[in-house]
Protein backbone atom coordinates (compact mmCIF):
# COMPACT_ATOMS: atom_id res chain seq x y z
CA UNK A 1 83.72 92.34 60.24
CA UNK A 2 80.97 95.37 61.55
CA UNK A 3 81.14 98.47 59.27
CA UNK A 4 80.75 101.81 59.95
CA UNK A 5 78.53 101.78 57.29
CA UNK A 6 76.08 99.22 58.87
CA UNK A 7 72.53 100.77 59.23
CA UNK A 8 72.30 99.61 62.79
CA UNK A 9 75.26 100.96 63.94
CA UNK A 10 74.75 104.28 62.11
CA UNK A 11 71.55 104.66 63.70
CA UNK A 12 73.44 104.09 67.38
CA UNK A 13 75.92 106.88 66.34
CA UNK A 14 73.54 109.27 65.20
CA UNK A 15 71.07 108.69 68.15
CA UNK A 16 74.01 109.26 70.62
CA UNK A 17 75.72 112.03 68.71
CA UNK A 18 72.05 113.72 69.08
CA UNK A 19 71.81 112.57 72.71
CA UNK A 20 75.03 114.38 73.39
CA UNK A 21 73.84 117.67 71.68
CA UNK A 22 70.71 117.43 74.12
CA UNK A 23 72.89 117.19 77.37
CA UNK A 24 75.00 120.01 75.86
CA UNK A 25 71.99 122.13 75.34
CA UNK A 26 70.46 121.29 78.68
CA UNK A 27 73.36 121.97 81.13
CA UNK A 28 73.50 125.65 79.75
CA UNK A 29 70.34 125.86 81.43
CA UNK A 30 70.58 123.60 84.64
CA UNK A 31 74.14 122.85 84.78
CA UNK A 32 76.82 124.23 87.72
CA UNK A 33 78.32 127.70 86.62
CA UNK A 34 80.06 129.84 88.90
CA UNK A 35 79.05 133.34 89.69
CA UNK A 36 82.13 134.21 88.07
CA UNK A 37 81.44 132.77 84.81
CA UNK A 38 81.06 134.63 81.93
CA UNK A 39 78.77 132.33 80.46
CA UNK A 40 76.02 133.44 83.12
CA UNK A 41 75.78 136.88 80.88
CA UNK A 42 75.72 135.40 77.53
CA UNK A 43 72.37 136.62 76.11
CA UNK A 44 71.01 133.31 74.68
CA UNK A 45 71.72 131.46 78.22
CA UNK A 46 70.24 134.00 80.67
CA UNK A 47 66.69 132.84 79.94
CA UNK A 48 67.93 129.19 80.20
CA UNK A 49 68.81 130.20 83.82
CA UNK A 50 66.52 132.99 85.18
CA UNK A 51 62.78 131.77 83.13
CA UNK A 52 60.61 129.20 84.43
CA UNK A 53 59.99 128.12 80.95
CA UNK A 54 64.02 127.95 80.34
CA UNK A 55 64.84 126.07 83.26
CA UNK A 56 62.19 123.46 82.23
CA UNK A 57 62.84 123.12 78.82
CA UNK A 58 67.17 122.38 79.82
CA UNK A 59 65.82 119.99 82.82
CA UNK A 60 63.75 118.02 80.15
CA UNK A 61 66.78 118.19 77.15
CA UNK A 62 69.12 117.19 79.50
CA UNK A 63 67.51 114.54 80.95
CA UNK A 64 66.02 113.18 77.87
CA UNK A 65 69.68 113.42 76.31
CA UNK A 66 71.11 111.70 79.06
CA UNK A 67 68.36 108.49 77.81
CA UNK A 68 68.55 109.00 74.06
CA UNK A 69 72.78 108.16 74.75
CA UNK A 70 71.77 105.26 77.11
CA UNK A 71 69.61 103.90 74.29
CA UNK A 72 72.15 104.31 71.39
CA UNK A 73 74.69 102.24 74.07
CA UNK A 74 72.40 99.22 73.63
CA UNK A 75 71.42 99.83 70.18
CA UNK A 76 75.14 99.68 69.43
CA UNK A 77 75.66 96.55 71.93
CA UNK A 78 72.95 94.66 69.98
CA UNK A 79 74.58 95.56 66.57
CA UNK A 80 77.87 94.18 67.59
CA UNK A 81 76.19 90.88 68.75
CA UNK A 82 75.42 91.44 72.26
CA UNK A 83 71.79 90.65 71.72
CA UNK A 84 72.02 87.24 70.33
CA UNK A 85 74.97 86.48 72.72
CA UNK A 86 77.42 85.41 69.74
CA UNK A 87 81.03 86.09 70.01
CA UNK A 88 81.98 89.78 69.01
CA UNK A 89 83.74 89.90 65.69
CA UNK A 90 87.34 91.36 65.13
CA UNK A 91 87.02 95.25 64.30
CA UNK A 92 84.23 95.51 67.10
CA UNK A 93 86.70 97.36 69.12
CA UNK A 94 87.66 99.95 66.46
CA UNK A 95 83.60 100.30 66.31
CA UNK A 96 83.13 101.10 70.12
CA UNK A 97 86.30 103.45 70.24
CA UNK A 98 84.90 105.94 67.19
CA UNK A 99 81.33 105.80 68.78
CA UNK A 100 82.48 106.69 72.36
CA UNK A 101 84.71 109.63 70.80
CA UNK A 102 81.72 110.87 68.73
CA UNK A 103 79.21 110.84 72.12
CA UNK A 104 81.94 112.56 74.26
CA UNK A 105 82.83 115.44 71.78
CA UNK A 106 79.67 117.72 72.85
CA UNK A 107 80.58 116.78 76.43
CA UNK A 108 83.92 118.31 75.96
CA UNK A 109 81.55 122.03 75.81
CA UNK A 110 79.03 121.05 78.46
CA UNK A 111 78.46 123.02 81.40
CA UNK A 112 79.68 120.88 84.27
CA UNK A 113 76.91 118.67 85.53
CA UNK A 114 75.63 115.92 87.92
CA UNK A 115 78.59 116.91 90.10
CA UNK A 116 80.21 120.04 90.45
CA UNK A 117 83.43 118.75 92.25
CA UNK A 118 85.48 120.52 89.16
CA UNK A 119 85.11 123.93 91.10
CA UNK A 120 86.71 122.44 94.13
CA UNK A 121 89.68 121.58 91.95
CA UNK A 122 89.36 125.52 91.13
CA UNK A 123 89.64 126.81 94.65
CA UNK A 124 92.07 123.77 95.78
CA UNK A 125 94.58 125.13 93.25
CA UNK A 126 93.84 128.74 94.39
CA UNK A 127 95.02 127.27 98.04
CA UNK A 128 98.01 125.75 96.82
CA UNK A 129 99.28 128.96 94.78
CA UNK A 130 98.19 130.84 97.58
CA UNK A 131 101.10 129.09 99.85
CA UNK A 132 98.22 127.12 102.10
CA UNK A 133 98.13 124.00 102.88
CA UNK A 134 94.79 121.76 101.13
CA UNK A 135 95.43 118.97 103.78
CA UNK A 136 94.61 121.56 106.57
CA UNK A 137 93.02 124.57 105.04
CA UNK A 138 89.33 124.26 103.61
CA UNK A 139 88.95 126.44 100.59
CA UNK A 140 86.82 129.13 102.51
CA UNK A 141 90.61 130.91 103.69
CA UNK A 142 90.35 132.22 100.23
CA UNK A 143 88.76 135.44 99.26
CA UNK A 144 85.92 134.86 97.01
CA UNK A 145 86.09 131.43 97.17
CA UNK A 146 82.10 130.84 96.92
CA UNK A 147 82.04 133.07 93.55
CA UNK A 148 84.71 130.35 92.02
CA UNK A 149 81.57 127.80 92.31
CA UNK A 150 82.53 125.33 94.62
CA UNK A 151 80.00 123.59 96.92
CA UNK A 152 79.59 125.12 100.54
CA UNK A 153 80.35 121.50 101.81
CA UNK A 154 84.21 122.25 100.91
CA UNK A 155 84.63 125.47 102.59
CA UNK A 156 85.92 123.98 105.98
CA UNK A 157 87.21 120.03 104.74
CA UNK A 158 90.69 119.11 103.62
CA UNK A 159 91.35 118.14 99.94
CA UNK A 160 90.29 114.15 99.83
CA UNK A 161 92.72 114.32 96.62
CA UNK A 162 96.53 113.09 96.39
CA UNK A 163 99.70 115.39 95.91
CA UNK A 164 99.97 114.48 91.98
CA UNK A 165 96.44 116.05 91.51
CA UNK A 166 97.21 119.39 93.57
CA UNK A 167 100.01 119.71 91.18
CA UNK A 168 97.64 119.62 88.22
CA UNK A 169 95.12 122.06 90.21
CA UNK A 170 97.97 124.49 90.83
CA UNK A 171 99.27 124.48 87.05
CA UNK A 172 95.63 124.97 85.64
CA UNK A 173 94.79 127.75 87.54
CA UNK A 174 98.39 129.41 86.90
CA UNK A 175 98.38 128.76 83.53
CA UNK A 176 94.57 130.47 83.27
CA UNK A 177 95.40 133.00 85.53
CA UNK A 178 92.52 132.08 87.33
CA UNK A 179 90.10 132.44 84.45
CA UNK A 180 87.16 129.75 86.15
CA UNK A 181 85.64 128.82 82.79
CA UNK A 182 88.76 128.30 81.06
CA UNK A 183 90.06 126.25 84.60
CA UNK A 184 87.28 123.84 84.03
CA UNK A 185 88.00 123.57 80.27
CA UNK A 186 91.40 122.59 81.16
CA UNK A 187 90.69 120.38 84.17
CA UNK A 188 88.02 118.47 81.59
CA UNK A 189 91.00 118.13 79.02
CA UNK A 190 93.46 116.98 81.84
CA UNK A 191 90.33 114.15 82.69
CA UNK A 192 90.31 113.62 78.83
CA UNK A 193 93.71 112.03 79.08
CA UNK A 194 92.42 109.90 81.93
CA UNK A 195 89.83 108.50 79.82
CA UNK A 196 92.30 108.18 76.74
CA UNK A 197 94.58 106.05 78.96
CA UNK A 198 91.70 104.23 80.22
CA UNK A 199 90.42 103.40 76.85
CA UNK A 200 93.63 102.24 75.25
CA UNK A 201 94.68 99.88 78.45
CA UNK A 202 90.97 98.31 78.85
CA UNK A 203 90.85 96.25 75.65
CA UNK A 204 94.76 95.16 75.60
CA UNK A 205 94.15 93.92 79.26
CA UNK A 206 90.93 92.54 78.59
CA UNK A 207 92.47 90.88 75.52
CA UNK A 208 95.30 89.52 77.85
CA UNK A 209 93.07 87.63 79.94
CA UNK A 210 91.21 86.04 76.99
CA UNK A 211 88.02 88.69 76.99
CA UNK A 212 87.06 90.35 73.80
CA UNK A 213 88.52 93.64 73.98
CA UNK A 214 85.26 95.45 72.49
CA UNK A 215 82.74 94.03 74.55
CA UNK A 216 84.81 95.15 77.43
CA UNK A 217 85.40 98.87 76.19
CA UNK A 218 81.68 98.82 75.52
CA UNK A 219 80.47 97.71 78.87
CA UNK A 220 82.88 100.04 80.64
CA UNK A 221 83.48 103.40 78.69
CA UNK A 222 80.73 103.39 75.89
CA UNK A 223 78.15 103.82 78.65
CA UNK A 224 76.62 107.38 78.95
CA UNK A 225 77.95 107.16 82.90
CA UNK A 226 81.35 106.52 81.80
CA UNK A 227 81.24 109.75 79.04
CA UNK A 228 78.95 111.96 81.66
CA UNK A 229 81.18 111.59 84.74
CA UNK A 230 84.56 111.45 83.13
CA UNK A 231 84.25 113.91 80.66
CA UNK A 232 81.02 116.24 81.64
CA UNK A 233 81.63 116.24 85.13
CA UNK A 234 85.46 116.28 84.80
CA UNK A 235 86.09 114.05 87.80
CA UNK A 236 89.83 113.57 88.58
CA UNK A 237 88.47 109.67 88.79
CA UNK A 238 89.22 109.39 85.11
CA UNK A 239 93.10 110.34 85.83
CA UNK A 240 93.20 107.64 88.88
CA UNK A 241 91.46 104.64 86.65
CA UNK A 242 93.73 105.41 83.43
CA UNK A 243 97.05 105.16 85.31
CA UNK A 244 95.76 102.41 87.56
CA UNK A 245 94.30 100.52 84.44
CA UNK A 246 97.78 100.97 82.97
CA UNK A 247 99.58 99.73 86.10
CA UNK A 248 97.70 96.54 86.05
CA UNK A 249 97.97 95.73 82.41
CA UNK A 250 102.09 95.96 82.99
CA UNK A 251 101.96 93.57 86.05
CA UNK A 252 99.58 91.47 83.87
CA UNK A 253 102.39 91.25 81.39
CA UNK A 254 105.32 91.27 83.10
CA UNK A 255 106.50 87.93 81.86
CA UNK A 256 107.93 89.79 78.77
CA UNK A 257 109.96 91.57 80.97
CA UNK A 258 110.83 91.73 84.91
CA UNK A 259 110.85 95.73 84.65
CA UNK A 260 107.35 95.72 83.80
CA UNK A 261 106.44 94.83 87.30
CA UNK A 262 108.42 97.88 88.67
CA UNK A 263 106.73 99.95 85.71
CA UNK A 264 102.95 98.87 87.13
CA UNK A 265 104.36 100.04 90.57
CA UNK A 266 105.24 103.31 89.32
CA UNK A 267 101.98 103.85 86.94
CA UNK A 268 99.69 102.86 90.29
CA UNK A 269 101.57 104.89 92.22
CA UNK A 270 100.85 108.09 89.83
CA UNK A 271 97.15 106.56 90.42
CA UNK A 272 97.33 107.07 94.43
CA UNK A 273 98.51 110.37 93.79
CA UNK A 274 95.51 111.37 92.12
CA UNK A 275 93.13 109.44 94.77
CA UNK A 276 94.67 107.60 97.55
CA UNK A 277 91.83 104.60 97.01
CA UNK A 278 93.96 103.11 94.31
CA UNK A 279 96.83 102.04 97.49
CA UNK A 280 95.04 98.88 97.86
CA UNK A 281 95.71 97.51 94.05
CA UNK A 282 99.58 97.48 95.32
CA UNK A 283 99.43 94.60 96.89
CA UNK A 284 98.10 92.54 94.00
CA UNK A 285 100.45 94.48 91.58
CA UNK A 286 103.20 92.51 93.89
CA UNK A 287 101.27 89.15 93.64
CA UNK A 288 101.29 89.23 90.19
CA UNK A 289 105.06 90.40 89.45
CA UNK A 290 105.91 87.64 91.82
CA UNK A 291 104.09 85.16 89.98
CA UNK A 292 106.17 85.97 86.81
CA UNK A 293 109.42 85.97 88.23
CA UNK A 294 108.54 82.51 90.17
CA UNK A 295 107.43 80.89 86.61
CA UNK A 296 111.04 82.63 85.59
CA UNK A 297 113.06 81.44 88.48
CA UNK A 298 111.35 78.75 90.59
CA UNK A 299 114.27 77.92 92.82
CA UNK A 300 112.72 80.24 95.07
CA UNK A 301 109.70 79.51 96.69
CA UNK A 302 106.56 81.46 95.16
CA UNK A 303 106.37 83.03 98.97
CA UNK A 304 109.53 84.41 98.86
CA UNK A 305 108.89 86.05 95.53
CA UNK A 306 105.80 87.30 96.76
CA UNK A 307 107.45 89.08 99.94
CA UNK A 308 110.14 90.34 97.50
CA UNK A 309 108.01 91.75 95.46
CA UNK A 310 105.68 93.46 98.12
CA UNK A 311 108.86 95.13 99.44
CA UNK A 312 109.60 96.16 96.27
CA UNK A 313 106.21 97.63 95.47
CA UNK A 314 105.84 99.18 98.26
CA UNK A 315 109.24 100.61 98.51
CA UNK A 316 108.94 102.02 94.79
CA UNK A 317 105.94 103.90 95.93
CA UNK A 318 107.20 104.89 99.08
CA UNK A 319 109.98 106.34 97.33
CA UNK A 320 107.94 108.38 94.75
CA UNK A 321 105.85 109.54 97.03
CA UNK A 322 108.26 110.56 99.62
CA UNK A 323 110.08 112.73 97.08
CA UNK A 324 106.71 114.09 95.78
CA UNK A 325 106.04 114.86 99.29
CA UNK A 326 109.70 116.40 99.82
CA UNK A 327 109.06 118.87 96.63
CA UNK A 328 105.71 120.23 97.71
CA UNK A 329 106.01 120.69 101.25
CA UNK A 330 103.37 118.13 102.82
CA UNK A 331 105.62 114.96 103.41
CA UNK A 332 103.48 112.01 104.23
CA UNK A 333 101.04 113.43 106.25
CA UNK A 334 98.70 113.88 103.55
CA UNK A 335 98.02 110.08 103.84
CA UNK A 336 97.23 110.15 107.46
CA UNK A 337 94.63 112.84 106.24
CA UNK A 338 93.53 111.03 103.86
CA UNK A 339 93.30 107.73 105.38
CA UNK A 340 90.69 109.55 108.34
CA UNK A 341 88.89 111.59 106.08
CA UNK A 342 85.94 110.37 104.07
CA UNK A 343 82.11 111.30 103.39
CA UNK A 344 79.85 111.81 106.86
CA UNK A 345 76.59 110.79 105.06
CA UNK A 346 74.96 107.68 103.10
CA UNK A 347 73.75 106.75 100.41
CA UNK A 348 70.02 105.33 100.32
CA UNK A 349 71.16 102.64 97.51
CA UNK A 350 74.25 101.64 99.85
CA UNK A 351 74.30 98.24 101.58
CA UNK A 352 75.72 100.28 104.73
CA UNK A 353 72.91 102.80 104.41
CA UNK A 354 70.58 100.46 103.93
CA UNK A 355 71.59 98.45 107.13
CA UNK A 356 71.62 101.89 108.53
CA UNK A 357 68.05 102.79 107.87
CA UNK A 358 66.74 99.60 109.15
CA UNK A 359 68.68 99.99 112.45
CA UNK A 360 67.94 103.51 112.96
CA UNK A 361 64.50 103.04 112.14
CA UNK A 362 64.22 99.90 115.02
CA UNK A 363 65.48 101.99 117.89
CA UNK A 364 63.51 104.88 116.94
CA UNK A 365 60.52 102.60 116.83
CA UNK A 366 61.60 101.64 120.83
CA UNK A 367 62.07 104.89 121.38
CA UNK A 368 65.88 104.91 121.71
CA UNK A 369 68.51 106.75 120.64
CA UNK A 370 69.87 106.26 117.20
CA UNK A 371 72.49 109.04 116.62
CA UNK A 372 75.37 106.53 116.65
CA UNK A 373 74.44 103.95 114.68
CA UNK A 374 76.21 105.52 110.87
CA UNK A 375 79.16 106.08 113.16
CA UNK A 376 79.50 102.33 114.33
CA UNK A 377 78.54 101.02 110.93
CA UNK A 378 81.59 103.10 109.18
CA UNK A 379 83.93 101.63 111.65
CA UNK A 380 82.55 97.79 110.80
CA UNK A 381 82.94 98.58 107.16
CA UNK A 382 85.92 99.62 107.09
CA UNK A 383 87.45 96.67 109.42
CA UNK A 384 85.41 94.35 107.58
CA UNK A 385 86.71 95.88 103.96
CA UNK A 386 90.61 95.33 105.56
CA UNK A 387 89.92 91.39 106.57
CA UNK A 388 88.96 91.26 103.04
CA UNK A 389 91.62 92.57 101.64
CA UNK A 390 94.07 90.82 103.44
CA UNK A 391 92.32 87.62 103.15
CA UNK A 392 92.32 88.36 99.15
CA UNK A 393 96.07 88.88 99.48
CA UNK A 394 96.99 85.81 101.24
CA UNK A 395 94.50 83.41 99.96
CA UNK A 396 93.69 82.19 96.20
CA UNK A 397 94.96 81.04 93.35
CA UNK A 398 97.74 82.72 90.98
CA UNK A 399 95.33 82.53 88.49
CA UNK A 400 92.71 84.26 89.99
CA UNK A 401 94.86 87.52 90.99
CA UNK A 402 92.74 90.05 88.76
CA UNK A 403 89.79 88.85 90.41
CA UNK A 404 90.79 89.13 93.98
CA UNK A 405 92.17 92.36 93.19
CA UNK A 406 88.62 93.52 91.87
CA UNK A 407 87.03 91.84 94.81
CA UNK A 408 89.61 93.89 97.23
CA UNK A 409 88.75 97.35 95.85
CA UNK A 410 84.82 96.21 95.63
CA UNK A 411 84.84 95.70 99.42
CA UNK A 412 86.43 98.86 99.91
CA UNK A 413 83.42 100.75 98.09
CA UNK A 414 80.33 98.51 99.11
CA UNK A 415 81.46 98.43 102.63
CA UNK A 416 81.32 102.23 102.73
CA UNK A 417 78.21 103.98 103.79
CA UNK A 418 78.15 106.51 100.89
CA UNK A 419 78.46 105.26 96.98
CA UNK A 420 78.63 107.96 94.68
CA UNK A 421 77.37 107.40 91.26
CA UNK A 422 80.71 107.58 89.16
CA UNK A 423 82.32 104.97 91.92
CA UNK A 424 80.51 102.22 90.07
CA UNK A 425 83.28 103.69 87.03
CA UNK A 426 86.21 102.67 89.76
CA UNK A 427 85.06 98.87 89.38
CA UNK A 428 83.23 98.34 85.99
CA UNK A 429 86.72 98.52 83.81
CA UNK A 430 88.08 95.92 86.50
CA UNK A 431 84.95 93.49 86.04
CA UNK A 432 84.84 94.02 82.62
CA UNK A 433 88.43 92.97 82.12
CA UNK A 434 87.82 89.70 84.12
CA UNK A 435 85.26 88.94 82.22
CA UNK A 436 81.38 89.65 82.86
CA UNK A 437 78.82 87.25 81.53
CA UNK A 438 76.61 88.01 78.63
CA UNK A 439 73.67 86.88 81.05
CA UNK A 440 72.53 88.70 84.20
CA UNK A 441 75.59 90.27 85.07
CA UNK A 442 75.55 92.46 81.75
CA UNK A 443 72.19 93.20 82.64
CA UNK A 444 72.78 94.26 86.18
CA UNK A 445 75.29 96.46 84.61
CA UNK A 446 72.97 98.22 82.10
CA UNK A 447 70.09 98.09 84.92
CA UNK A 448 72.61 99.88 87.17
CA UNK A 449 73.80 102.56 84.66
CA UNK A 450 70.35 103.42 84.06
CA UNK A 451 69.56 103.86 87.85
CA UNK A 452 72.61 106.10 88.10
CA UNK A 453 71.41 108.20 85.16
CA UNK A 454 68.05 108.84 86.36
CA UNK A 455 69.49 109.77 90.03
CA UNK A 456 72.07 111.82 88.68
CA UNK A 457 70.12 114.07 86.27
CA UNK A 458 67.65 114.98 88.61
CA UNK A 459 69.68 115.09 91.98
CA UNK A 460 72.30 117.86 90.79
CA UNK A 461 70.27 120.38 88.68
CA UNK A 462 71.26 124.14 89.36
CA UNK A 463 68.58 126.39 89.52
CA UNK A 464 68.61 129.85 91.15
CA UNK A 465 66.53 129.95 94.73
CA UNK A 466 64.92 132.87 93.35
CA UNK A 467 62.79 130.89 91.26
CA UNK A 468 61.82 128.59 93.51
CA UNK A 469 61.40 125.89 91.30
CA UNK A 470 63.99 123.16 93.01
CA UNK A 471 61.42 120.72 93.78
CA UNK A 472 58.90 121.17 90.18
CA UNK A 473 62.61 120.40 88.59
CA UNK A 474 63.42 117.17 90.30
CA UNK A 475 59.64 115.96 89.89
CA UNK A 476 60.08 117.07 86.13
CA UNK A 477 63.49 115.18 85.57
CA UNK A 478 62.31 112.20 87.55
CA UNK A 479 59.11 111.99 85.63
CA UNK A 480 60.91 112.44 82.19
CA UNK A 481 63.19 109.53 83.23
CA UNK A 482 60.46 107.59 84.01
CA UNK A 483 58.65 107.88 80.22
CA UNK A 484 61.67 107.43 78.84
CA UNK A 485 62.59 103.99 80.44
CA UNK A 486 59.03 102.85 79.71
CA UNK A 487 59.15 104.03 76.04
CA UNK A 488 63.20 102.29 75.69
CA UNK A 489 62.05 99.05 77.50
CA UNK A 490 59.04 98.68 74.54
CA UNK A 491 60.99 99.12 71.91
CA UNK A 492 62.01 96.04 70.26
CA UNK A 493 65.52 96.98 69.92
CA UNK A 494 66.03 96.93 74.04
CA UNK A 495 63.81 93.83 74.34
CA UNK A 496 66.90 91.69 74.57
CA UNK A 497 67.64 93.33 77.54
CA UNK A 498 64.93 92.26 79.82
CA UNK A 499 63.24 89.53 77.90
CA UNK A 500 65.58 86.90 77.30
CA UNK A 501 69.21 85.66 78.05
CA UNK A 502 69.23 86.02 82.08
CA UNK A 503 70.80 82.34 82.43
CA UNK A 504 73.17 82.63 79.26
CA UNK A 505 76.78 81.71 81.35
CA UNK A 506 78.69 82.56 77.97
CA UNK A 507 81.01 85.32 78.10
CA UNK A 508 81.32 86.29 74.48
CA UNK A 509 85.11 85.63 74.25
CA UNK A 510 87.31 86.48 71.70
CA UNK A 511 86.50 84.62 68.12
């Protein structure tokens, strides 16, 4: 059984915590601060944000800290049997949970990094308190909205979040009397609640499916992208996925009592109340519920049970959302608003973004207009994802319902032109619980986390315009990342990641 006193585990703990402290320090220099934040006036922070040497030091510290955390994550996996691809031992889950908690503590105090969406929450909460409709009005309707740190892209945009999260936004702004720094901290605590939910149910769900809970937790929750995106950045996706995973767990274990299927529908509906995209999970919750009821009462045909459970889950979700709409006054029109909203850009790494680049470049080479290509691909991607979801709903074995759900969710993400780094954290918990083999699949996760760490560290740096250092800091961060990646790859402790085990098909299941 692994022990906290083991030298390799202790080394991973210390490195991860040191990396988190570096990220914390760097965030004060190049993290996102609202103009209204009192932190701007702290004497030791001022040179970090206004002097070239301070911004450069902060950029290196933030980027390097991310990679130290990344290496600590790999060290922990190696210490817990990942490198030799043997079954993980009992007690590994406890070690992973403690490590994740230790590494996360400094991030509770970070200035927001990798994203400034938390400042959108601030002004959306102010919109609600002002009696405005966030599904119709942008934050520019508020006085001093820019003073509260919100990205100008939100100025005229409707909120993309569900009505239950609007309640959280309004409550935070009411409690804090619209004090921006305190509000950011409370939003972060709300996201930590989502992290706790996710980390509680993820290993339980993995174990119910025959996958080692400690390994699933290490893959999905201990990696630095998870800690940074869900705690440092304070993304409400943590709440969305926490409630979603709780709901999935009760649907999977509905054989213990029929009411667990209903509870699963309620919890997933709460997740939808945070962000609408988890609506795709509801049909599969119904399938899981139906499979258990059919085992108990086979007198009814399985398809009868499926349609009964689909109606039940839709009814539960509909009633809850209607009640929420009646209380907050938005009705159900927010569903139509959110179904029609979406990012208008593209990510260069998304399949649809790559396809759009190829198509538009070809048209430009022949002197043709290519302004329509992205809109067309967005429509085609949405249509294809709907067809895939429907196919996965109606076809497949009952013992593969979780896998079908995971691929349905994946289709919605992958077939969109824009994929933000934290979207990986929607999918990774689901793939982790259904089983990620310890071969190229685990390596794909590791390399993807590394890619998004590199991208996030250089893409989201807050540097005052008067310094004219944006490009220099981007290059400095990228250079730091490249040096760190090469150095880590050459360390003997990381050779297992890229030198061997590419075709080993074992999952390191529960011993």
